[in-house]
Amino acid sequence: MDESDVTRVAKALADPRRFNILRVIRRSGEISCGKLADRFPISQSTISHHLRVLVDAGLVEVRREGQFGYFSAPDDVLAEYLEELRRELDPATRSTEPVS
């Protein structure tokens, strides 16, 4: 996972609503956009926007069935992100170079 991937995931997770959407998806295994919209007091178009950000960050995958999308959250990207955070924040392994 490179620095731009880490930044993209961090930005996606920084929004509390997206974080909660990801939590619901992970706990559900797979869920449709409509069912997600039922769980949050926001419009389906807003849910779709948040899902797009999560998909672009690689945190969520979509399976299409006709016009419907079913969302799931694979473990690999989140695991890579957490491992990269550990490396970057561990004083024993981090670089002493300033981050721009």
N, C-alpha and C. Protein backbone atom coordinates (compact mmCIF):
# COMPACT_ATOMS: atom_id res chain seq x y z
N MET A 1 0.87 -1.17 0.00
CA MET A 1 0.00 0.00 0.00
C MET A 1 0.91 1.22 0.00
N ASP A 2 0.74 2.09 -1.00
CA ASP A 2 1.59 3.28 -1.06
C ASP A 2 0.95 4.45 -0.30
N GLU A 3 1.67 5.56 -0.24
CA GLU A 3 1.22 6.70 0.55
C GLU A 3 -0.12 7.25 0.08
N SER A 4 -0.36 7.27 -1.23
CA SER A 4 -1.64 7.79 -1.72
C SER A 4 -2.80 6.86 -1.33
N ASP A 5 -2.55 5.55 -1.29
CA ASP A 5 -3.58 4.61 -0.84
C ASP A 5 -3.90 4.83 0.63
N VAL A 6 -2.86 5.01 1.44
CA VAL A 6 -3.04 5.25 2.87
C VAL A 6 -3.86 6.52 3.09
N THR A 7 -3.52 7.56 2.35
CA THR A 7 -4.23 8.84 2.47
C THR A 7 -5.69 8.69 2.06
N ARG A 8 -5.94 7.97 0.97
CA ARG A 8 -7.31 7.76 0.48
C ARG A 8 -8.15 7.01 1.52
N VAL A 9 -7.58 5.98 2.12
CA VAL A 9 -8.30 5.21 3.14
C VAL A 9 -8.54 6.08 4.37
N ALA A 10 -7.52 6.82 4.79
CA ALA A 10 -7.66 7.68 5.97
C ALA A 10 -8.76 8.72 5.76
N LYS A 11 -8.79 9.32 4.59
CA LYS A 11 -9.83 10.32 4.31
C LYS A 11 -11.22 9.69 4.28
N ALA A 12 -11.31 8.49 3.74
CA ALA A 12 -12.61 7.81 3.70
C ALA A 12 -13.09 7.50 5.11
N LEU A 13 -12.18 7.08 5.97
CA LEU A 13 -12.56 6.71 7.34
C LEU A 13 -12.74 7.91 8.25
N ALA A 14 -12.24 9.07 7.85
CA ALA A 14 -12.30 10.26 8.70
C ALA A 14 -13.72 10.79 8.85
N ASP A 15 -14.58 10.51 7.90
CA ASP A 15 -15.96 10.97 7.99
C ASP A 15 -16.75 10.00 8.88
N PRO A 16 -17.33 10.49 9.97
CA PRO A 16 -18.05 9.59 10.89
C PRO A 16 -19.17 8.79 10.23
N ARG A 17 -19.87 9.39 9.30
CA ARG A 17 -20.96 8.65 8.65
C ARG A 17 -20.40 7.51 7.80
N ARG A 18 -19.31 7.77 7.06
CA ARG A 18 -18.71 6.70 6.26
C ARG A 18 -18.17 5.59 7.15
N PHE A 19 -17.58 5.98 8.27
CA PHE A 19 -17.08 4.99 9.22
C PHE A 19 -18.23 4.10 9.70
N ASN A 20 -19.36 4.70 10.02
CA ASN A 20 -20.52 3.93 10.47
C ASN A 20 -21.10 3.06 9.36
N ILE A 21 -21.11 3.57 8.14
CA ILE A 21 -21.57 2.77 7.00
C ILE A 21 -20.67 1.55 6.83
N LEU A 22 -19.36 1.76 6.90
CA LEU A 22 -18.42 0.64 6.78
C LEU A 22 -18.65 -0.37 7.90
N ARG A 23 -18.88 0.10 9.09
CA ARG A 23 -19.14 -0.80 10.23
C ARG A 23 -20.38 -1.66 9.95
N VAL A 24 -21.45 -1.05 9.45
CA VAL A 24 -22.67 -1.80 9.15
C VAL A 24 -22.40 -2.83 8.06
N ILE A 25 -21.67 -2.44 7.03
CA ILE A 25 -21.37 -3.37 5.94
C ILE A 25 -20.55 -4.54 6.46
N ARG A 26 -19.53 -4.28 7.24
CA ARG A 26 -18.68 -5.36 7.76
C ARG A 26 -19.49 -6.30 8.65
N ARG A 27 -20.38 -5.76 9.45
CA ARG A 27 -21.18 -6.61 10.35
C ARG A 27 -22.25 -7.38 9.59
N SER A 28 -22.69 -6.85 8.45
CA SER A 28 -23.74 -7.50 7.66
C SER A 28 -23.19 -8.57 6.73
N GLY A 29 -21.95 -8.45 6.37
CA GLY A 29 -21.38 -9.35 5.37
C GLY A 29 -21.60 -8.81 3.98
N GLU A 30 -22.87 -8.62 3.61
CA GLU A 30 -23.24 -8.01 2.34
C GLU A 30 -24.59 -7.34 2.53
N ILE A 31 -24.72 -6.14 1.98
CA ILE A 31 -25.96 -5.38 2.17
C ILE A 31 -26.21 -4.50 0.95
N SER A 32 -27.47 -4.29 0.64
CA SER A 32 -27.82 -3.45 -0.51
C SER A 32 -27.81 -1.97 -0.11
N CYS A 33 -27.70 -1.12 -1.11
CA CYS A 33 -27.74 0.33 -0.88
C CYS A 33 -29.07 0.72 -0.24
N GLY A 34 -30.16 0.12 -0.69
CA GLY A 34 -31.47 0.44 -0.14
C GLY A 34 -31.58 0.10 1.34
N LYS A 35 -31.04 -1.06 1.71
CA LYS A 35 -31.08 -1.44 3.13
C LYS A 35 -30.18 -0.54 3.96
N LEU A 36 -29.07 -0.10 3.39
CA LEU A 36 -28.22 0.86 4.10
C LEU A 36 -28.96 2.17 4.30
N ALA A 37 -29.66 2.61 3.27
CA ALA A 37 -30.40 3.87 3.36
C ALA A 37 -31.48 3.78 4.44
N ASP A 38 -32.05 2.60 4.63
CA ASP A 38 -33.04 2.41 5.68
C ASP A 38 -32.43 2.55 7.08
N ARG A 39 -31.14 2.28 7.19
CA ARG A 39 -30.48 2.29 8.51
C ARG A 39 -29.96 3.66 8.91
N PHE A 40 -29.90 4.61 7.94
CA PHE A 40 -29.35 5.93 8.21
C PHE A 40 -30.36 7.01 7.83
N PRO A 41 -30.43 8.09 8.60
CA PRO A 41 -31.40 9.15 8.32
C PRO A 41 -30.92 10.12 7.23
N ILE A 42 -30.48 9.56 6.11
CA ILE A 42 -30.03 10.38 4.98
C ILE A 42 -30.59 9.79 3.69
N SER A 43 -30.54 10.55 2.63
CA SER A 43 -31.11 10.09 1.37
C SER A 43 -30.27 8.98 0.75
N GLN A 44 -30.89 8.23 -0.14
CA GLN A 44 -30.17 7.15 -0.82
C GLN A 44 -29.05 7.71 -1.68
N SER A 45 -29.23 8.92 -2.25
CA SER A 45 -28.16 9.51 -3.05
C SER A 45 -26.95 9.86 -2.18
N THR A 46 -27.19 10.28 -0.95
CA THR A 46 -26.08 10.57 -0.03
C THR A 46 -25.38 9.28 0.37
N ILE A 47 -26.16 8.23 0.62
CA ILE A 47 -25.56 6.92 0.90
C ILE A 47 -24.69 6.50 -0.29
N SER A 48 -25.21 6.68 -1.50
CA SER A 48 -24.46 6.31 -2.71
C SER A 48 -23.15 7.07 -2.80
N HIS A 49 -23.18 8.35 -2.46
CA HIS A 49 -21.95 9.16 -2.48
C HIS A 49 -20.93 8.57 -1.50
N HIS A 50 -21.36 8.28 -0.26
CA HIS A 50 -20.45 7.73 0.73
C HIS A 50 -19.93 6.36 0.30
N LEU A 51 -20.78 5.55 -0.30
CA LEU A 51 -20.35 4.25 -0.79
C LEU A 51 -19.31 4.39 -1.89
N ARG A 52 -19.49 5.38 -2.76
CA ARG A 52 -18.52 5.60 -3.84
C ARG A 52 -17.15 5.92 -3.26
N VAL A 53 -17.11 6.75 -2.21
CA VAL A 53 -15.83 7.09 -1.57
C VAL A 53 -15.20 5.83 -0.97
N LEU A 54 -16.01 5.01 -0.30
CA LEU A 54 -15.50 3.78 0.30
C LEU A 54 -15.02 2.79 -0.76
N VAL A 55 -15.73 2.70 -1.87
CA VAL A 55 -15.31 1.83 -2.98
C VAL A 55 -14.00 2.35 -3.57
N ASP A 56 -13.91 3.65 -3.82
CA ASP A 56 -12.69 4.25 -4.39
C ASP A 56 -11.48 4.03 -3.49
N ALA A 57 -11.71 3.98 -2.18
CA ALA A 57 -10.63 3.74 -1.22
C ALA A 57 -10.28 2.26 -1.13
N GLY A 58 -11.11 1.40 -1.73
CA GLY A 58 -10.88 -0.04 -1.70
C GLY A 58 -11.40 -0.72 -0.45
N LEU A 59 -12.10 0.02 0.39
CA LEU A 59 -12.63 -0.54 1.64
C LEU A 59 -13.90 -1.35 1.44
N VAL A 60 -14.59 -1.09 0.33
CA VAL A 60 -15.87 -1.74 0.04
C VAL A 60 -15.85 -2.20 -1.41
N GLU A 61 -16.45 -3.36 -1.64
CA GLU A 61 -16.63 -3.88 -2.99
C GLU A 61 -18.12 -3.93 -3.29
N VAL A 62 -18.44 -3.81 -4.57
CA VAL A 62 -19.85 -3.86 -4.97
C VAL A 62 -20.05 -5.03 -5.93
N ARG A 63 -21.14 -5.74 -5.71
CA ARG A 63 -21.57 -6.82 -6.61
C ARG A 63 -22.88 -6.35 -7.22
N ARG A 64 -22.91 -6.26 -8.53
CA ARG A 64 -24.11 -5.80 -9.23
C ARG A 64 -25.02 -6.97 -9.58
N GLU A 65 -26.29 -6.74 -9.35
CA GLU A 65 -27.32 -7.70 -9.75
C GLU A 65 -28.43 -6.88 -10.37
N GLY A 66 -28.40 -6.79 -11.70
CA GLY A 66 -29.33 -5.90 -12.39
C GLY A 66 -29.01 -4.47 -12.01
N GLN A 67 -30.03 -3.73 -11.58
CA GLN A 67 -29.82 -2.33 -11.21
C GLN A 67 -29.42 -2.17 -9.74
N PHE A 68 -29.37 -3.26 -9.02
CA PHE A 68 -29.08 -3.20 -7.59
C PHE A 68 -27.61 -3.49 -7.31
N GLY A 69 -27.08 -2.81 -6.30
CA GLY A 69 -25.71 -3.03 -5.86
C GLY A 69 -25.71 -3.61 -4.46
N TYR A 70 -24.89 -4.62 -4.26
CA TYR A 70 -24.74 -5.25 -2.95
C TYR A 70 -23.30 -5.04 -2.51
N PHE A 71 -23.14 -4.50 -1.32
CA PHE A 71 -21.84 -4.06 -0.85
C PHE A 71 -21.29 -4.98 0.23
N SER A 72 -20.00 -5.24 0.13
CA SER A 72 -19.30 -6.03 1.14
C SER A 72 -17.95 -5.36 1.40
N ALA A 73 -17.32 -5.75 2.50
CA ALA A 73 -16.05 -5.13 2.89
C ALA A 73 -15.00 -6.22 3.08
N PRO A 74 -14.15 -6.40 2.08
CA PRO A 74 -13.10 -7.42 2.20
C PRO A 74 -12.08 -7.01 3.27
N ASP A 75 -11.44 -7.99 3.84
CA ASP A 75 -10.49 -7.74 4.92
C ASP A 75 -9.14 -7.20 4.44
N ASP A 76 -8.74 -7.51 3.20
CA ASP A 76 -7.37 -7.25 2.79
C ASP A 76 -6.96 -5.78 2.82
N VAL A 77 -7.76 -4.87 2.30
CA VAL A 77 -7.37 -3.46 2.25
C VAL A 77 -7.31 -2.88 3.65
N LEU A 78 -8.27 -3.19 4.47
CA LEU A 78 -8.26 -2.69 5.84
C LEU A 78 -7.05 -3.24 6.60
N ALA A 79 -6.74 -4.52 6.41
CA ALA A 79 -5.58 -5.12 7.07
C ALA A 79 -4.29 -4.46 6.60
N GLU A 80 -4.16 -4.21 5.30
CA GLU A 80 -2.97 -3.52 4.78
C GLU A 80 -2.85 -2.11 5.36
N TYR A 81 -3.97 -1.41 5.43
CA TYR A 81 -3.98 -0.05 5.98
C TYR A 81 -3.52 -0.07 7.44
N LEU A 82 -4.07 -0.98 8.22
CA LEU A 82 -3.69 -1.06 9.63
C LEU A 82 -2.22 -1.41 9.80
N GLU A 83 -1.72 -2.32 8.97
CA GLU A 83 -0.31 -2.68 9.03
C GLU A 83 0.58 -1.48 8.65
N GLU A 84 0.17 -0.75 7.64
CA GLU A 84 0.95 0.44 7.24
C GLU A 84 0.95 1.49 8.35
N LEU A 85 -0.19 1.67 9.01
CA LEU A 85 -0.25 2.59 10.15
C LEU A 85 0.70 2.15 11.25
N ARG A 86 0.71 0.86 11.54
CA ARG A 86 1.63 0.34 12.56
C ARG A 86 3.07 0.66 12.21
N ARG A 87 3.43 0.41 10.94
CA ARG A 87 4.81 0.68 10.50
C ARG A 87 5.14 2.16 10.62
N GLU A 88 4.22 3.00 10.17
CA GLU A 88 4.48 4.44 10.17
C GLU A 88 4.51 5.04 11.57
N LEU A 89 3.74 4.49 12.48
CA LEU A 89 3.64 5.07 13.82
C LEU A 89 4.55 4.41 14.84
N ASP A 90 5.16 3.29 14.49
CA ASP A 90 6.07 2.60 15.39
C ASP A 90 7.41 3.33 15.40
N PRO A 91 7.82 3.85 16.55
CA PRO A 91 9.08 4.60 16.61
C PRO A 91 10.29 3.78 16.15
N ALA A 92 10.24 2.47 16.27
CA ALA A 92 11.36 1.63 15.88
C ALA A 92 11.50 1.50 14.37
N THR A 93 10.42 1.70 13.62
CA THR A 93 10.47 1.47 12.17
C THR A 93 10.24 2.71 11.33
N ARG A 94 9.75 3.77 11.93
CA ARG A 94 9.42 4.95 11.12
C ARG A 94 10.68 5.68 10.68
N SER A 95 10.56 6.36 9.60
CA SER A 95 11.63 7.19 9.07
C SER A 95 11.72 8.48 9.88
N THR A 96 12.92 9.00 10.01
CA THR A 96 13.10 10.26 10.71
C THR A 96 12.98 11.45 9.77
N GLU A 97 12.74 11.16 8.49
CA GLU A 97 12.57 12.23 7.52
C GLU A 97 11.23 12.92 7.75
N PRO A 98 11.20 14.25 7.60
CA PRO A 98 9.92 14.96 7.76
C PRO A 98 8.96 14.55 6.66
N VAL A 99 7.71 14.45 7.00
CA VAL A 99 6.65 14.12 6.05
C VAL A 99 6.10 15.42 5.50
N SER A 100 6.00 15.48 4.19
CA SER A 100 5.48 16.71 3.57
C SER A 100 4.00 16.70 3.43
